[in-house]
Each structure stands twice: as structure tokens, then as C-alpha cells.
Amino acid sequence: MQLDEESAAAVATRLRRARGQIEGILTMIEEGRDCEDIVTQLSAASKAVDRAAFTIVSCGLSACVAAEAKGEEPPLDRARLEKLFLSLA
């Protein structure tokens, strides 16, 4: 299954943001910043990655629903899609 251009761009933006946050976290650690500040930034980076992953799963779900509505074979079977979704839990 391929992501549509809009979703791919949104996922890439989120991951770039997470990459920047992680680089900032590394700098914070190297500078000996407060643990609370570091954990706050780790949480933000984690949420950005999670949202990217959920966007990808959402695209898969949409593609499957659209294919089934047309009477076509979905790009992913339900078990694989469910496994992907649950891997994020």
C-alpha cells in the first residue's frame, strides 16, 4: 500500500519535527538540562512519531474501505491492518 501524496507529506513533516526534537533533546542532555525539561521534550517527540504512525494506519484503513466499497481486493487484509494498529498500542 502506498500513501497518497498529501498523507506522505504530512507524515514526513511530523517525522522531521520529531527528528528536530530528538536533536534538541540530545543537546539538552549534553548541556545537563533539567530532567523534567528533557522528559517533556521526549514526550513531544514520541507523540509526533505516534501521530505519524497512526496517519499511516489510517491511510491503510481508508484504502481498504474504499477498495471494498468498489468490490475490489483491499491492499491489506484486515488481520495485517489490525496487527499494524495494535503494534502502536
C-alpha atoms as a PDB file:
ATOM      1  CA  MET A   1       0.000   0.000   0.000  1.00  0.00           C
ATOM      2  CA  GLN A   2       1.282   3.443  -0.910  1.00  0.00           C
ATOM      3  CA  LEU A   3       0.492   6.662   0.911  1.00  0.00           C
ATOM      4  CA  ASP A   4      -1.231   9.380  -1.058  1.00  0.00           C
ATOM      5  CA  GLU A   5       0.887  12.495  -1.615  1.00  0.00           C
ATOM      6  CA  GLU A   6      -0.900  14.618   0.981  1.00  0.00           C
ATOM      7  CA  SER A   7      -0.598  11.973   3.701  1.00  0.00           C
ATOM      8  CA  ALA A   8       3.023  11.244   2.819  1.00  0.00           C
ATOM      9  CA  ALA A   9       3.821  14.943   3.120  1.00  0.00           C
ATOM     10  CA  ALA A  10       2.052  15.161   6.496  1.00  0.00           C
ATOM     11  CA  VAL A  11       3.901  12.106   7.808  1.00  0.00           C
ATOM     12  CA  ALA A  12       7.242  13.443   6.565  1.00  0.00           C
ATOM     13  CA  THR A  13       6.576  16.796   8.255  1.00  0.00           C
ATOM     14  CA  ARG A  14       5.785  15.124  11.566  1.00  0.00           C
ATOM     15  CA  LEU A  15       8.883  12.948  11.375  1.00  0.00           C
ATOM     16  CA  ARG A  16      11.099  15.917  10.537  1.00  0.00           C
ATOM     17  CA  ARG A  17       9.652  17.715  13.546  1.00  0.00           C
ATOM     18  CA  ALA A  18      10.358  14.672  15.722  1.00  0.00           C
ATOM     19  CA  ARG A  19      13.906  14.490  14.349  1.00  0.00           C
ATOM     20  CA  GLY A  20      14.438  18.126  15.314  1.00  0.00           C
ATOM     21  CA  GLN A  21      13.009  17.491  18.767  1.00  0.00           C
ATOM     22  CA  ILE A  22      15.290  14.487  19.274  1.00  0.00           C
ATOM     23  CA  GLU A  23      18.335  16.506  18.209  1.00  0.00           C
ATOM     24  CA  GLY A  24      17.269  19.154  20.699  1.00  0.00           C
ATOM     25  CA  ILE A  25      16.883  16.506  23.408  1.00  0.00           C
ATOM     26  CA  LEU A  26      20.409  15.260  22.774  1.00  0.00           C
ATOM     27  CA  THR A  27      21.688  18.805  23.131  1.00  0.00           C
ATOM     28  CA  MET A  28      19.723  19.223  26.355  1.00  0.00           C
ATOM     29  CA  ILE A  29      21.285  16.053  27.770  1.00  0.00           C
ATOM     30  CA  GLU A  30      24.772  17.141  26.725  1.00  0.00           C
ATOM     31  CA  GLU A  31      24.205  20.514  28.394  1.00  0.00           C
ATOM     32  CA  GLY A  32      22.986  18.869  31.604  1.00  0.00           C
ATOM     33  CA  ARG A  33      19.490  20.332  31.409  1.00  0.00           C
ATOM     34  CA  ASP A  34      16.804  19.524  33.943  1.00  0.00           C
ATOM     35  CA  CYS A  35      15.222  16.046  33.756  1.00  0.00           C
ATOM     36  CA  GLU A  36      11.702  17.469  33.663  1.00  0.00           C
ATOM     37  CA  ASP A  37      12.503  19.539  30.565  1.00  0.00           C
ATOM     38  CA  ILE A  38      14.078  16.531  28.861  1.00  0.00           C
ATOM     39  CA  VAL A  39      11.121  14.251  29.599  1.00  0.00           C
ATOM     40  CA  THR A  40       8.704  16.907  28.347  1.00  0.00           C
ATOM     41  CA  GLN A  41      10.558  17.054  25.041  1.00  0.00           C
ATOM     42  CA  LEU A  42      10.789  13.251  24.850  1.00  0.00           C
ATOM     43  CA  SER A  43       7.027  13.089  25.273  1.00  0.00           C
ATOM     44  CA  ALA A  44       6.502  15.594  22.466  1.00  0.00           C
ATOM     45  CA  ALA A  45       8.813  13.672  20.131  1.00  0.00           C
ATOM     46  CA  SER A  46       7.093  10.407  20.986  1.00  0.00           C
ATOM     47  CA  LYS A  47       3.674  11.895  20.227  1.00  0.00           C
ATOM     48  CA  ALA A  48       4.911  13.191  16.863  1.00  0.00           C
ATOM     49  CA  VAL A  49       6.138   9.717  15.895  1.00  0.00           C
ATOM     50  CA  ASP A  50       2.903   8.122  17.139  1.00  0.00           C
ATOM     51  CA  ARG A  51       0.805  10.529  15.095  1.00  0.00           C
ATOM     52  CA  ALA A  52       2.846   9.744  12.003  1.00  0.00           C
ATOM     53  CA  ALA A  53       2.288   6.038  12.547  1.00  0.00           C
ATOM     54  CA  PHE A  54      -1.440   6.470  13.152  1.00  0.00           C
ATOM     55  CA  THR A  55      -1.713   8.540   9.989  1.00  0.00           C
ATOM     56  CA  ILE A  56      -0.155   5.687   8.023  1.00  0.00           C
ATOM     57  CA  VAL A  57      -2.520   3.133   9.571  1.00  0.00           C
ATOM     58  CA  SER A  58      -5.453   5.464   8.908  1.00  0.00           C
ATOM     59  CA  CYS A  59      -4.477   5.678   5.238  1.00  0.00           C
ATOM     60  CA  GLY A  60      -4.366   1.899   5.081  1.00  0.00           C
ATOM     61  CA  LEU A  61      -7.800   1.656   6.630  1.00  0.00           C
ATOM     62  CA  SER A  62      -9.208   4.228   4.208  1.00  0.00           C
ATOM     63  CA  ALA A  63      -7.680   2.414   1.239  1.00  0.00           C
ATOM     64  CA  CYS A  64      -9.170  -0.880   2.404  1.00  0.00           C
ATOM     65  CA  VAL A  65     -12.638   0.605   2.917  1.00  0.00           C
ATOM     66  CA  ALA A  66     -12.534   2.318  -0.485  1.00  0.00           C
ATOM     67  CA  ALA A  67     -11.429  -0.884  -2.238  1.00  0.00           C
ATOM     68  CA  GLU A  68     -14.117  -2.956  -0.530  1.00  0.00           C
ATOM     69  CA  ALA A  69     -16.762  -0.372  -1.465  1.00  0.00           C
ATOM     70  CA  LYS A  70     -15.740  -0.811  -5.110  1.00  0.00           C
ATOM     71  CA  GLY A  71     -15.807  -4.591  -4.803  1.00  0.00           C
ATOM     72  CA  GLU A  72     -12.024  -4.757  -5.189  1.00  0.00           C
ATOM     73  CA  GLU A  73      -9.432  -6.625  -3.175  1.00  0.00           C
ATOM     74  CA  PRO A  74      -8.151  -4.352  -0.361  1.00  0.00           C
ATOM     75  CA  PRO A  75      -4.408  -3.573  -0.350  1.00  0.00           C
ATOM     76  CA  LEU A  76      -4.076  -5.069   3.159  1.00  0.00           C
ATOM     77  CA  ASP A  77      -6.140  -7.804   4.732  1.00  0.00           C
ATOM     78  CA  ARG A  78      -7.907  -6.971   7.964  1.00  0.00           C
ATOM     79  CA  ALA A  79      -5.627  -9.140  10.111  1.00  0.00           C
ATOM     80  CA  ARG A  80      -2.475  -7.365   8.876  1.00  0.00           C
ATOM     81  CA  LEU A  81      -4.066  -3.946   9.324  1.00  0.00           C
ATOM     82  CA  GLU A  82      -5.224  -4.867  12.829  1.00  0.00           C
ATOM     83  CA  LYS A  83      -1.726  -6.116  13.677  1.00  0.00           C
ATOM     84  CA  LEU A  84      -0.227  -2.808  12.497  1.00  0.00           C
ATOM     85  CA  PHE A  85      -2.730  -0.845  14.535  1.00  0.00           C
ATOM     86  CA  LEU A  86      -2.171  -2.905  17.680  1.00  0.00           C
ATOM     87  CA  SER A  87       1.587  -2.609  17.347  1.00  0.00           C
ATOM     88  CA  LEU A  88       1.122   1.085  18.157  1.00  0.00           C
ATOM     89  CA  ALA A  89      -0.773   0.415  21.386  1.00  0.00           C
END
